Protein backbone atom coordinates (compact mmCIF):
# COMPACT_ATOMS: atom_id res chain seq x y z
CA MET A 1 -39.91 142.14 -263.21
CA SER A 2 -36.41 141.79 -262.07
CA GLU A 3 -34.59 144.02 -259.64
CA ALA A 4 -32.55 145.64 -262.42
CA GLU A 5 -35.67 146.60 -264.27
CA VAL A 6 -37.15 148.16 -261.16
CA LEU A 7 -34.04 150.25 -260.69
CA ARG A 8 -34.14 151.47 -264.31
CA ASP A 9 -37.80 152.37 -263.96
CA THR A 10 -37.60 155.24 -261.60
CA THR A 11 -40.98 156.43 -262.57
CA ALA A 12 -42.75 153.42 -261.15
CA PRO A 13 -44.69 153.99 -257.91
CA VAL A 14 -43.06 152.85 -254.62
CA PRO A 15 -44.94 149.97 -252.74
CA PRO A 16 -45.86 150.50 -249.12
CA ALA A 17 -43.48 149.20 -246.41
CA ALA A 18 -44.21 145.68 -244.84
CA PRO A 19 -45.45 145.69 -241.24
CA THR A 20 -42.87 144.85 -238.59
CA PRO A 21 -43.74 141.50 -236.85
CA ARG A 22 -44.22 141.52 -233.07
CA ILE A 23 -42.56 138.65 -231.30
CA ASP A 24 -44.37 137.29 -228.14
CA ARG A 25 -41.73 135.64 -226.03
CA LYS A 26 -44.26 134.09 -223.44
CA ARG A 27 -44.40 130.22 -223.89
CA ARG A 28 -47.61 128.25 -223.59
CA LEU A 29 -47.92 124.46 -222.75
CA SER A 30 -49.67 122.50 -225.37
CA PRO A 31 -52.61 120.41 -224.22
CA ILE A 32 -51.11 117.45 -225.97
CA TRP A 33 -48.54 117.14 -223.22
CA LEU A 34 -51.18 116.44 -220.60
CA LEU A 35 -51.51 112.81 -221.66
CA PRO A 36 -47.88 111.74 -221.04
CA ILE A 37 -47.79 113.77 -217.86
CA VAL A 38 -50.84 111.94 -216.48
CA ALA A 39 -49.40 108.62 -217.57
CA ALA A 40 -46.13 109.42 -215.79
CA LEU A 41 -47.94 110.40 -212.62
CA VAL A 42 -49.97 107.20 -212.68
CA GLY A 43 -46.80 105.19 -213.20
CA LEU A 44 -45.09 106.94 -210.30
CA TYR A 45 -48.07 106.32 -208.10
CA LEU A 46 -48.15 102.67 -209.03
CA ALA A 47 -44.43 102.38 -208.46
CA TRP A 48 -44.78 104.00 -205.05
CA ILE A 49 -47.66 101.69 -204.17
CA THR A 50 -45.72 98.66 -205.34
CA PHE A 51 -42.60 99.70 -203.49
CA SER A 52 -44.50 100.56 -200.31
CA GLU A 53 -46.39 97.25 -200.30
CA LYS A 54 -43.40 95.14 -201.27
CA GLY A 55 -42.10 93.01 -198.46
CA PRO A 56 -38.73 91.45 -197.93
CA THR A 57 -37.22 88.79 -200.14
CA ILE A 58 -36.57 85.47 -198.42
CA THR A 59 -35.03 82.13 -199.32
CA ILE A 60 -36.47 78.77 -198.35
CA SER A 61 -34.57 75.51 -198.64
CA PHE A 62 -36.47 72.32 -199.61
CA GLN A 63 -35.32 68.81 -200.40
CA THR A 64 -37.17 68.87 -203.73
CA ALA A 65 -39.14 71.34 -205.82
CA ASP A 66 -42.05 68.94 -206.23
CA GLY A 67 -45.22 70.95 -206.91
CA LEU A 68 -43.45 74.37 -207.03
CA GLU A 69 -43.46 76.75 -210.04
CA ALA A 70 -41.61 80.06 -210.26
CA GLY A 71 -43.98 83.01 -210.61
CA LYS A 72 -47.06 80.91 -209.84
CA THR A 73 -46.72 79.16 -206.50
CA LEU A 74 -48.13 81.31 -203.69
CA ILE A 75 -47.16 81.50 -200.05
CA LYS A 76 -50.22 81.57 -197.79
CA HIS A 77 -51.22 81.69 -194.17
CA LYS A 78 -54.78 80.69 -193.39
CA GLU A 79 -55.63 81.17 -197.10
CA VAL A 80 -54.27 84.74 -197.11
CA VAL A 81 -51.51 85.37 -199.69
CA PHE A 82 -48.24 86.42 -198.06
CA GLY A 83 -45.89 86.11 -201.04
CA THR A 84 -45.01 84.54 -204.37
CA VAL A 85 -42.23 82.23 -205.45
CA LYS A 86 -39.92 84.06 -207.88
CA THR A 87 -37.07 81.66 -208.58
CA ILE A 88 -36.20 78.02 -207.94
CA ALA A 89 -32.58 76.89 -208.17
CA LEU A 90 -30.48 73.91 -207.17
CA THR A 91 -27.61 74.39 -204.80
CA GLU A 92 -24.06 73.85 -205.95
CA ALA A 93 -23.88 70.50 -204.17
CA LEU A 94 -27.21 69.46 -205.77
CA SER A 95 -28.37 68.32 -202.33
CA HIS A 96 -31.47 70.50 -202.17
CA VAL A 97 -33.24 73.42 -203.85
CA GLU A 98 -33.40 77.06 -202.81
CA VAL A 99 -36.63 78.92 -203.39
CA THR A 100 -36.55 82.73 -203.56
CA ALA A 101 -39.84 84.38 -202.71
CA GLU A 102 -41.04 87.97 -202.54
CA MET A 103 -43.19 88.52 -199.48
CA THR A 104 -45.81 91.16 -198.82
CA ARG A 105 -45.43 93.94 -196.30
CA GLU A 106 -48.01 92.26 -194.06
CA ALA A 107 -45.83 89.16 -193.90
CA ALA A 108 -42.69 91.01 -192.74
CA PRO A 109 -43.51 91.01 -188.99
CA HIS A 110 -44.01 87.24 -189.07
CA LEU A 111 -40.72 86.32 -190.73
CA ARG A 112 -38.88 85.40 -187.56
CA ALA A 113 -36.83 82.57 -186.18
CA GLY A 114 -39.12 79.61 -185.70
CA THR A 115 -41.29 80.41 -188.70
CA ARG A 116 -42.04 77.20 -190.57
CA PHE A 117 -42.74 76.62 -194.26
CA TRP A 118 -44.00 73.46 -195.95
CA VAL A 119 -45.57 72.54 -199.27
CA VAL A 120 -49.28 71.78 -199.11
CA ARG A 121 -50.10 68.89 -201.41
CA PRO A 122 -52.44 65.87 -201.19
CA ARG A 123 -51.27 63.56 -198.36
CA LEU A 124 -52.64 60.37 -196.86
CA SER A 125 -51.65 59.27 -193.36
CA ALA A 126 -53.06 56.94 -190.69
CA SER A 127 -53.22 59.71 -188.08
CA GLY A 128 -54.46 62.66 -190.17
CA GLY A 129 -56.32 60.93 -192.95
CA LEU A 130 -56.49 62.69 -196.36
CA THR A 131 -55.28 66.29 -196.31
CA GLY A 132 -54.58 68.89 -199.02
CA PHE A 133 -57.29 67.51 -201.24
CA SER A 134 -58.18 70.98 -202.61
CA THR A 135 -54.70 71.36 -204.16
CA ILE A 136 -55.60 68.78 -206.79
CA VAL A 137 -57.54 71.55 -208.58
CA SER A 138 -55.83 74.74 -207.41
CA GLY A 139 -52.27 73.45 -207.35
CA SER A 140 -49.76 73.17 -204.53
CA TYR A 141 -48.80 76.16 -202.39
CA ILE A 142 -46.45 76.94 -199.52
CA GLU A 143 -48.00 77.33 -196.08
CA LEU A 144 -46.46 79.72 -193.55
CA ASP A 145 -46.65 79.17 -189.79
CA PRO A 146 -45.39 82.28 -187.94
CA GLY A 147 -42.59 82.09 -185.39
CA GLN A 148 -41.80 84.13 -182.30
CA GLY A 149 -38.02 84.68 -182.50
CA ALA A 150 -35.82 87.36 -184.01
CA GLU A 151 -36.14 88.57 -187.60
CA GLU A 152 -34.98 86.03 -190.15
CA ARG A 153 -34.76 85.92 -193.95
CA SER A 154 -33.42 82.42 -194.58
CA PHE A 155 -35.47 79.35 -193.66
CA THR A 156 -35.43 75.57 -194.02
CA GLY A 157 -38.72 74.16 -195.21
CA LEU A 158 -40.41 71.13 -193.67
CA GLU A 159 -41.01 68.00 -195.70
CA ASP A 160 -44.14 67.16 -193.68
CA PRO A 161 -46.70 69.51 -192.13
CA PRO A 162 -46.17 70.23 -188.42
CA VAL A 163 -48.47 68.34 -186.08
CA VAL A 164 -49.24 71.39 -183.92
CA ARG A 165 -49.60 74.84 -185.44
CA ALA A 166 -48.28 77.99 -183.81
CA GLY A 167 -50.64 79.69 -181.40
CA VAL A 168 -52.35 76.50 -180.19
CA PRO A 169 -52.45 76.70 -176.38
CA GLY A 170 -50.95 73.75 -174.57
CA THR A 171 -47.76 72.29 -173.11
CA SER A 172 -44.99 70.14 -174.58
CA TYR A 173 -43.39 67.27 -172.65
CA LEU A 174 -40.48 64.88 -173.21
CA LEU A 175 -41.06 61.13 -172.98
CA LYS A 176 -38.10 58.78 -172.51
CA ALA A 177 -38.51 55.30 -173.99
CA GLU A 178 -36.27 52.32 -174.70
CA ARG A 179 -37.82 51.92 -178.15
CA ILE A 180 -40.24 54.04 -180.14
CA GLY A 181 -42.41 51.15 -181.35
CA SER A 182 -45.34 52.30 -183.48
CA VAL A 183 -45.42 55.81 -182.01
CA GLY A 184 -44.58 58.55 -184.50
CA ALA A 185 -45.30 62.14 -185.43
CA GLY A 186 -49.05 62.70 -185.41
CA SER A 187 -49.85 59.80 -183.09
CA PRO A 188 -52.66 60.77 -180.70
CA VAL A 189 -52.28 61.34 -176.96
CA TYR A 190 -55.22 60.09 -174.86
CA PHE A 191 -56.52 60.90 -171.40
CA ARG A 192 -59.38 58.70 -170.18
CA GLY A 193 -60.06 57.69 -173.79
CA VAL A 194 -60.30 61.28 -175.08
CA GLN A 195 -57.71 62.57 -177.55
CA VAL A 196 -56.11 65.58 -175.86
CA GLY A 197 -52.88 65.99 -177.83
CA GLU A 198 -50.45 64.62 -180.37
CA ILE A 199 -46.90 63.36 -180.69
CA THR A 200 -44.95 66.08 -182.48
CA GLY A 201 -41.80 64.06 -183.18
CA TYR A 202 -38.86 62.33 -181.59
CA ASP A 203 -35.14 62.84 -181.10
CA SER A 204 -32.87 60.00 -182.18
CA SER A 205 -29.53 61.73 -181.72
CA ASP A 206 -28.52 59.45 -178.82
CA LEU A 207 -30.14 56.09 -179.48
CA GLU A 208 -27.77 54.35 -177.09
CA ALA A 209 -29.51 56.09 -174.19
CA GLY A 210 -32.97 55.57 -175.68
CA VAL A 211 -35.44 57.65 -177.66
CA THR A 212 -36.81 61.04 -176.62
CA ILE A 213 -40.39 61.55 -177.81
CA HIS A 214 -41.97 65.01 -177.93
CA ALA A 215 -45.59 65.06 -176.80
CA PHE A 216 -47.96 68.03 -176.90
CA VAL A 217 -51.08 68.21 -174.70
CA ARG A 218 -53.59 70.91 -175.56
CA ALA A 219 -55.09 73.24 -173.01
CA PRO A 220 -57.05 72.84 -170.79
CA TYR A 221 -56.09 69.16 -170.59
CA ASP A 222 -52.47 69.95 -169.78
CA ARG A 223 -53.54 70.81 -166.24
CA TYR A 224 -54.05 67.07 -165.63
CA VAL A 225 -50.35 66.39 -166.21
CA HIS A 226 -48.41 66.46 -162.93
CA ASP A 227 -44.89 65.45 -162.00
CA GLY A 228 -46.00 61.92 -161.03
CA THR A 229 -48.12 61.28 -164.13
CA ARG A 230 -47.61 57.94 -165.87
CA PHE A 231 -47.39 57.76 -169.68
CA TRP A 232 -47.60 54.45 -171.54
CA ASN A 233 -47.73 53.17 -175.08
CA ALA A 234 -51.41 52.70 -175.97
CA ALA A 235 -50.82 51.28 -179.46
CA GLY A 236 -51.84 47.77 -180.41
CA ILE A 237 -54.30 45.28 -178.94
CA SER A 238 -53.97 43.60 -175.53
CA LEU A 239 -55.49 40.14 -175.02
CA THR A 240 -55.31 38.80 -171.46
CA THR A 241 -56.86 35.90 -169.59
CA GLY A 242 -58.22 35.90 -166.07
CA PRO A 243 -60.94 34.52 -163.81
CA GLN A 244 -63.55 36.20 -166.04
CA GLY A 245 -62.11 34.61 -169.20
CA PHE A 246 -60.52 36.43 -172.11
CA LYS A 247 -60.26 40.22 -172.01
CA LEU A 248 -59.58 42.31 -175.13
CA GLU A 249 -58.36 45.87 -174.62
CA LEU A 250 -57.54 48.63 -177.13
CA GLU A 251 -57.43 52.39 -176.67
CA SER A 252 -59.01 53.20 -180.05
CA LEU A 253 -58.89 52.14 -183.67
CA ALA A 254 -56.76 55.19 -184.48
CA ALA A 255 -54.22 54.12 -181.85
CA VAL A 256 -54.09 50.64 -183.40
CA LEU A 257 -53.42 52.06 -186.87
CA ALA A 258 -51.18 55.04 -186.07
CA GLY A 259 -49.91 54.26 -182.60
CA GLY A 260 -50.71 56.32 -179.56
CA VAL A 261 -49.81 57.34 -176.03
CA ALA A 262 -52.07 57.51 -172.99
CA PHE A 263 -51.50 59.01 -169.56
CA ALA A 264 -53.12 59.02 -166.15
CA PRO A 265 -52.03 60.74 -162.96
CA PRO A 266 -51.83 58.50 -159.87
CA ALA A 267 -53.89 59.52 -156.85
CA THR A 268 -50.81 60.81 -155.04
CA ALA A 269 -49.85 63.07 -157.94
CA ARG A 270 -53.16 64.88 -158.45
CA ILE A 271 -52.31 67.51 -155.88
CA GLY A 272 -50.06 70.40 -156.81
CA GLU A 273 -49.17 72.49 -159.82
CA PRO A 274 -49.27 71.05 -163.36
CA ALA A 275 -45.99 69.94 -164.88
CA LYS A 276 -43.95 72.59 -166.67
CA THR A 277 -42.92 72.67 -170.30
CA ASP A 278 -40.35 70.03 -171.35
CA THR A 279 -40.78 68.04 -168.13
CA VAL A 280 -39.29 64.58 -168.66
CA PHE A 281 -41.46 61.48 -168.11
CA THR A 282 -40.87 57.78 -168.64
CA LEU A 283 -42.89 56.12 -171.39
CA TYR A 284 -43.88 52.62 -170.21
CA LYS A 285 -44.58 49.80 -172.62
CA ASP A 286 -48.19 49.29 -171.44
CA ALA A 287 -50.70 50.26 -168.77
CA THR A 288 -49.73 47.36 -166.49
CA SER A 289 -46.09 48.43 -166.47
CA SER A 290 -47.12 51.98 -165.58
CA GLN A 291 -49.10 50.67 -162.60
CA ASP A 292 -46.19 48.52 -161.47
CA ALA A 293 -44.06 51.67 -161.36
CA ASP A 294 -45.78 52.58 -158.07
CA TYR A 295 -43.73 49.83 -156.42
CA THR A 296 -40.34 51.44 -156.25
CA ILE A 297 -38.52 48.88 -154.05
CA ARG A 298 -37.29 45.73 -155.80
CA LEU A 299 -35.23 43.11 -154.00
CA PRO A 300 -33.26 40.63 -156.13
CA TYR A 301 -33.06 36.92 -155.24
CA LEU A 302 -31.72 33.83 -156.95
CA VAL A 303 -33.53 30.50 -157.37
CA TYR A 304 -31.91 27.37 -158.83
CA PHE A 305 -34.01 24.83 -160.76
CA ASP A 306 -32.71 21.43 -161.84
CA GLY A 307 -35.49 20.52 -164.25
CA SER A 308 -36.76 22.12 -167.44
CA VAL A 309 -37.83 25.76 -167.31
CA GLY A 310 -39.50 25.76 -170.74
CA GLY A 311 -42.10 28.52 -170.87
CA LEU A 312 -40.33 30.70 -168.28
CA ALA A 313 -39.01 34.02 -169.61
CA PRO A 314 -37.98 37.41 -168.22
CA GLY A 315 -41.07 39.33 -167.22
CA ALA A 316 -42.92 36.24 -165.94
CA PRO A 317 -44.68 36.96 -162.63
CA VAL A 318 -43.59 35.74 -159.22
CA GLU A 319 -46.69 34.80 -157.22
CA TRP A 320 -47.55 33.88 -153.67
CA HIS A 321 -51.00 32.36 -153.15
CA GLY A 322 -51.95 33.56 -156.63
CA ILE A 323 -51.01 37.22 -156.00
CA LYS A 324 -48.18 38.81 -157.92
CA ILE A 325 -45.31 39.93 -155.69
CA GLY A 326 -42.56 40.36 -158.29
CA GLN A 327 -41.25 39.23 -161.66
CA VAL A 328 -38.50 37.21 -163.29
CA THR A 329 -35.62 39.32 -164.57
CA ASP A 330 -33.16 36.75 -165.94
CA VAL A 331 -33.00 33.06 -166.90
CA ARG A 332 -29.65 31.42 -167.59
CA LEU A 333 -28.07 27.97 -167.92
CA GLN A 334 -25.11 26.76 -165.86
CA TYR A 335 -23.19 23.55 -166.53
CA ASP A 336 -20.79 22.12 -163.97
CA VAL A 337 -18.12 20.37 -166.02
CA ALA A 338 -16.61 18.61 -163.02
CA ALA A 339 -19.90 17.23 -161.74
CA GLY A 340 -21.45 16.85 -165.19
CA LEU A 341 -24.66 18.52 -164.02
CA ALA A 342 -26.71 21.37 -165.45
CA ARG A 343 -28.89 23.76 -163.49
CA ILE A 344 -30.76 26.94 -164.25
CA PRO A 345 -30.24 30.01 -162.06
CA VAL A 346 -33.34 32.23 -162.26
CA THR A 347 -33.03 35.80 -161.02
CA ILE A 348 -36.22 37.28 -159.60
CA GLU A 349 -37.21 40.63 -158.14
CA VAL A 350 -39.58 40.72 -155.18
CA GLU A 351 -41.53 43.92 -154.55
CA PRO A 352 -41.99 44.03 -150.76
CA GLN A 353 -44.48 46.90 -151.02
CA ARG A 354 -46.99 44.36 -152.31
CA ILE A 355 -46.75 42.31 -149.08
CA GLU A 356 -48.19 43.40 -145.75
CA LEU A 357 -46.61 41.67 -142.77
CA VAL A 358 -48.53 41.41 -139.49
CA GLY A 359 -46.78 40.77 -136.20
CA ALA A 360 -43.26 41.16 -137.61
CA ASP A 361 -40.90 43.65 -139.11
CA PRO A 362 -43.05 45.38 -141.77
CA ASN A 363 -40.07 45.29 -144.13
CA PHE A 364 -40.47 41.96 -145.92
CA GLY A 365 -37.10 42.34 -147.53
CA SER A 366 -35.19 42.30 -144.27
CA GLY A 367 -32.86 39.33 -144.03
CA ALA A 368 -34.40 38.16 -140.76
CA ASN A 369 -37.91 37.89 -142.21
CA VAL A 370 -36.92 36.00 -145.35
CA ALA A 371 -34.56 33.68 -143.45
CA ALA A 372 -37.31 32.91 -140.92
CA LEU A 373 -39.77 32.14 -143.71
CA VAL A 374 -37.28 29.80 -145.38
CA ARG A 375 -36.72 27.93 -142.08
CA ARG A 376 -40.51 27.54 -141.76
CA GLY A 377 -40.79 26.00 -145.24
CA LEU A 378 -40.84 28.81 -147.79
CA ARG A 379 -39.88 27.27 -151.13
CA ALA A 380 -39.90 28.42 -154.76
CA GLN A 381 -41.57 26.25 -157.37
CA LEU A 382 -42.36 26.34 -161.08
CA LYS A 383 -46.02 26.14 -162.06
CA THR A 384 -47.99 26.50 -165.28
CA GLY A 385 -49.44 29.98 -165.55
CA ASN A 386 -51.39 29.53 -168.78
CA LEU A 387 -52.50 26.19 -170.19
CA LEU A 388 -53.05 27.65 -173.67
CA THR A 389 -49.62 29.21 -174.11
CA GLY A 390 -47.63 27.00 -171.75
CA ALA A 391 -46.22 30.04 -169.93
CA MET A 392 -44.63 29.28 -166.56
CA VAL A 393 -44.57 31.32 -163.35
CA VAL A 394 -42.47 31.16 -160.19
CA THR A 395 -44.58 30.63 -157.08
CA PHE A 396 -43.79 30.76 -153.36
CA ASP A 397 -45.39 28.12 -151.14
CA MET A 398 -45.08 27.21 -147.46
CA ASP A 399 -44.24 23.50 -147.11
CA PRO A 400 -44.03 22.51 -143.42
CA ASP A 401 -42.81 19.02 -144.40
CA ALA A 402 -39.96 20.35 -146.56
CA PRO A 403 -36.43 19.30 -145.55
CA PRO A 404 -34.69 21.88 -143.34
CA ALA A 405 -32.98 24.63 -145.34
CA GLU A 406 -31.53 28.07 -144.86
CA LEU A 407 -31.50 31.22 -146.97
CA GLY A 408 -28.44 30.78 -149.16
CA THR A 409 -25.76 33.32 -149.96
CA GLY A 410 -24.99 33.45 -153.67
CA ASP A 411 -22.30 35.33 -155.52
CA ARG A 412 -24.57 38.31 -156.07
CA TYR A 413 -27.96 37.72 -154.46
CA PRO A 414 -29.46 35.62 -151.64
CA VAL A 415 -30.62 32.16 -152.75
CA ILE A 416 -34.13 30.91 -151.97
CA PRO A 417 -34.46 27.07 -151.92
CA SER A 418 -36.66 25.45 -154.54
CA VAL A 419 -38.63 22.23 -154.90
CA PRO A 420 -39.50 20.33 -158.09
CA GLY A 421 -42.36 21.80 -160.02
CA GLN A 422 -45.69 20.17 -160.77
CA LEU A 423 -44.53 19.00 -164.17
CA ASP A 424 -41.30 17.56 -162.80
CA SER A 425 -43.16 15.74 -160.03
CA ALA A 426 -45.66 14.32 -162.49
CA MET A 427 -42.90 13.22 -164.84
CA ARG A 428 -41.02 11.55 -162.00
CA SER A 429 -44.16 9.65 -160.97
CA ILE A 430 -44.79 8.59 -164.55
CA ASN A 431 -41.16 7.53 -164.93
CA GLY A 432 -41.42 5.47 -161.72
CA ILE A 433 -44.52 3.70 -162.98
CA LEU A 434 -42.87 3.07 -166.33
CA ASP A 435 -39.80 1.67 -164.55
CA LYS A 436 -41.98 -0.76 -162.60
CA VAL A 437 -43.84 -1.77 -165.73
CA SER A 438 -40.61 -2.30 -167.60
CA ALA A 439 -39.33 -4.51 -164.75
CA LEU A 440 -42.27 -6.92 -165.15
CA PRO A 441 -41.59 -10.19 -167.10
CA LEU A 442 -43.99 -9.21 -169.84
CA ASP A 443 -42.62 -11.71 -172.35
CA ARG A 444 -43.15 -14.64 -170.00
CA LEU A 445 -46.63 -13.44 -169.04
CA ILE A 446 -47.60 -13.09 -172.68
CA GLU A 447 -46.31 -16.61 -173.40
CA GLN A 448 -48.32 -18.02 -170.48
CA ALA A 449 -51.43 -16.17 -171.64
CA ASN A 450 -51.01 -17.55 -175.13
CA ALA A 451 -50.60 -21.06 -173.77
CA THR A 452 -53.73 -20.66 -171.62
CA LEU A 453 -55.74 -19.45 -174.60
CA LYS A 454 -54.58 -22.40 -176.65
CA SER A 455 -55.63 -24.78 -173.83
CA PHE A 456 -59.08 -23.17 -173.76
CA GLU A 457 -59.36 -23.51 -177.52
CA SER A 458 -58.40 -27.21 -177.30
CA LEU A 459 -60.83 -27.80 -174.44
CA ALA A 460 -63.66 -26.07 -176.29
CA ALA A 461 -63.01 -28.18 -179.36
CA ALA A 462 -63.06 -31.51 -177.37
CA PRO A 463 -66.00 -33.92 -178.13
CA GLU A 464 -66.84 -34.17 -174.42
CA ILE A 465 -67.53 -30.42 -174.22
CA THR A 466 -69.68 -30.57 -177.32
CA ASP A 467 -71.74 -33.49 -175.95
CA SER A 468 -72.10 -31.73 -172.59
CA LEU A 469 -73.41 -28.58 -174.24
CA ARG A 470 -75.91 -30.61 -176.25
CA SER A 471 -77.09 -32.42 -173.12
CA LEU A 472 -77.43 -29.08 -171.30
CA SER A 473 -79.46 -27.68 -174.16
CA GLY A 474 -81.80 -30.69 -174.04
CA ALA A 475 -82.18 -30.37 -170.27
CA LEU A 476 -83.08 -26.72 -170.59
CA SER A 477 -85.71 -27.53 -173.20
CA SER A 478 -87.24 -30.18 -170.94
CA THR A 479 -87.25 -27.77 -168.01
CA GLN A 480 -89.02 -25.19 -170.10
CA GLN A 481 -91.71 -27.71 -171.07
CA LEU A 482 -92.09 -28.76 -167.41
CA LEU A 483 -92.54 -25.19 -166.28
CA GLY A 484 -95.14 -24.61 -168.97
CA GLN A 485 -97.10 -27.67 -167.80
CA ALA A 486 -96.76 -26.47 -164.20
CA ASN A 487 -98.27 -23.11 -165.08
CA THR A 488 -101.28 -25.01 -166.46
CA ASP A 489 -101.71 -27.43 -163.56
CA LEU A 490 -100.94 -25.21 -160.60
CA GLY A 491 -104.25 -23.34 -160.65
CA PRO A 492 -106.31 -25.80 -158.50
CA VAL A 493 -103.31 -26.48 -156.30
CA MET A 494 -102.82 -22.82 -155.48
CA GLN A 495 -106.40 -22.54 -154.22
CA LYS A 496 -105.69 -25.20 -151.59
CA LEU A 497 -102.35 -23.71 -150.48
CA PRO A 498 -103.60 -21.01 -148.01
CA PRO A 499 -105.43 -23.49 -145.65
CA LEU A 500 -102.49 -25.85 -145.97
CA LEU A 501 -100.08 -23.11 -145.02
CA THR A 502 -102.16 -22.15 -142.01
CA THR A 503 -102.19 -25.76 -140.78
CA ALA A 504 -98.44 -26.02 -141.44
CA GLN A 505 -97.81 -22.86 -139.52
CA GLN A 506 -99.73 -24.20 -136.52
CA ALA A 507 -97.79 -27.45 -136.76
CA VAL A 508 -94.53 -25.53 -136.77
CA GLN A 509 -95.58 -23.62 -133.69
CA ARG A 510 -96.47 -26.84 -131.87
CA LEU A 511 -93.21 -28.37 -133.06
CA SER A 512 -91.33 -25.35 -131.72
CA GLY A 513 -92.97 -25.85 -128.35
CA THR A 514 -92.04 -29.51 -128.40
CA LEU A 515 -88.47 -28.61 -129.30
CA GLY A 516 -88.40 -26.27 -126.37
CA SER A 517 -89.34 -29.13 -124.11
CA ILE A 518 -86.77 -31.37 -125.74
CA ASN A 519 -84.17 -28.64 -125.32
CA GLN A 520 -84.90 -28.58 -121.66
CA GLY A 521 -84.63 -32.33 -121.49
CA TYR A 522 -81.63 -32.97 -123.72
CA GLY A 523 -79.51 -29.83 -123.24
CA ALA A 524 -78.40 -27.12 -125.67
CA ASP A 525 -75.20 -28.88 -126.76
CA SER A 526 -76.71 -32.24 -127.78
CA THR A 527 -76.44 -33.56 -131.32
CA PHE A 528 -80.18 -34.11 -131.46
CA LYS A 529 -80.82 -30.48 -130.64
CA ARG A 530 -78.50 -29.21 -133.36
CA ASP A 531 -80.03 -31.49 -135.98
CA LEU A 532 -83.54 -30.48 -135.06
CA THR A 533 -82.61 -26.81 -135.11
CA ARG A 534 -81.15 -27.18 -138.59
CA LEU A 535 -84.27 -29.02 -139.75
CA MET A 536 -86.61 -26.39 -138.35
CA SER A 537 -84.62 -23.64 -140.09
CA GLN A 538 -84.98 -25.41 -143.42
CA VAL A 539 -88.70 -25.97 -142.86
CA ASP A 540 -89.14 -22.34 -141.91
CA ASP A 541 -87.34 -21.19 -145.12
CA THR A 542 -89.55 -23.50 -147.17
CA LEU A 543 -92.74 -22.14 -145.61
CA ARG A 544 -91.53 -18.59 -146.14
CA SER A 545 -90.93 -19.29 -149.82
CA VAL A 546 -94.35 -20.85 -150.18
CA ARG A 547 -95.87 -17.81 -148.42
CA VAL A 548 -94.15 -15.49 -150.86
CA LEU A 549 -95.33 -17.56 -153.82
CA THR A 550 -98.88 -17.47 -152.47
CA ASP A 551 -98.81 -13.73 -152.01
CA TYR A 552 -97.46 -13.27 -155.52
CA LEU A 553 -100.19 -15.44 -157.04
CA GLU A 554 -102.85 -13.55 -155.10
CA GLN A 555 -101.54 -10.26 -156.55
CA HIS A 556 -100.90 -11.67 -160.06
CA PRO A 557 -103.35 -14.54 -160.76
CA GLU A 558 -102.70 -14.11 -164.49
CA ALA A 559 -99.26 -15.61 -163.86
CA LEU A 560 -100.89 -19.07 -163.85
CA ILE A 561 -101.73 -18.50 -167.53
CA ARG A 562 -98.97 -16.19 -168.82
CA GLY A 563 -96.21 -17.50 -166.57
CA LYS A 564 -93.91 -15.50 -164.32
CA THR A 565 -93.24 -11.96 -165.69
CA GLN A 566 -91.13 -10.52 -162.83
CA GLY A 567 -89.08 -11.79 -159.95
CA LEU A 568 -90.44 -12.58 -156.54
CA ASN A 569 -89.44 -10.18 -153.80
């Protein structure tokens, strides 16, 4: 029913009035909002945690990005994660790469000047062997070594791991050397054969003045390093010869492969405080050179040699009675154009601390001592020091028969007289003999010898010589037959010889008595006496021979059958 109809129907009943609504103006939070609120709170908490634990952002410069990945490569210290690489970018000059890394809050106190970073990857070296082997599976990472300086946020990474990590107790020293040789970063440092440190690197900024090598000796071994300690290059193998034969020396196999340095304090330097950090020492080329450094006084002299000095080189020893007293420092050649002569000036250094003088000025190097020794026959000479290598040495010898000489005055150093060496003397003797041989008329002698040989050949081929040799051969055959017959027939005769010899001996004695009487009657100088004396001597020799034959037959009766087997004595 429409509104108009309701108005026309006034008789229709009136409906009751609608209730008035009550409006509650108090708002209530729907439980559905709890979920986003909790999520927001969790997010805020996580953001606060992340922000509170987030460390500083740093940049590290490397030569290459080999093994690095943004978002994956970690930065560690002793296997504890200190950060993550976020970005890797090349510099504008394309000379290196810059790595941006976000560090943890725990890493912030360690990001100081001196902090070192390097990439840990598999490496093989002679000194350290194989390192970083585990990164083949896990991947490369950046190792952090804390520093001790002021806070820093920009660093330059190392291409190779440092030899000594931070916090290792010990002392660093500087070694001055003319050349580095086989010594390098990581080479071991030895004391009495025990590895006590490493070479951390070297400075080549001023190569004209030499090389500065940085050596680190760990505690407590650094207390053995004093101001007078000697360091030497222990790399390589040393083969020397001496009275005991060949001697092979090497510090260790590692030193041979990777080089090495050894040190030892002299007895005079073992008292006092240890050397301080960055104390400068000299690095000697070998142990012998370090021992020679104890002799601090070196006096230069000059020696002139006229003959060959092959095998003599700088560093060769100068000896006196087989004991080293110095070394050769220079060998040159001088040629006098006017005289047309060549000579070799050899500069030597004598270490007077090796010589002990008794009954004179203890300073050997004083001019008076050396001049007196030269007047008494001190001379320098070249001798062979090693027959295998042909190395030569300069020796001092006292020659009382040497021509008078004085200590010379050269342009720079005093001059010690010299005498020809053993080789020169031998060559001069050989040359003299060869000169005498060459002066002989060898051609004429050879011609005479040939003529003599031809004469002998003609004489040997003559018929007379042939007939004579045949006759001699026949005579020898007849003699042999006669001796054989005598051996058969002499048996009965030998049995009768002893009585006959006795009777003959008695007759000789009586004859000697008679001769004595005749000597008294005729005088000692008569011809009759001399003839009789000669006759008696012959008879006596004959009887003596018969006696010997008889004695031999008595001892060897089988000789009558077999013949004579050995000579009669």
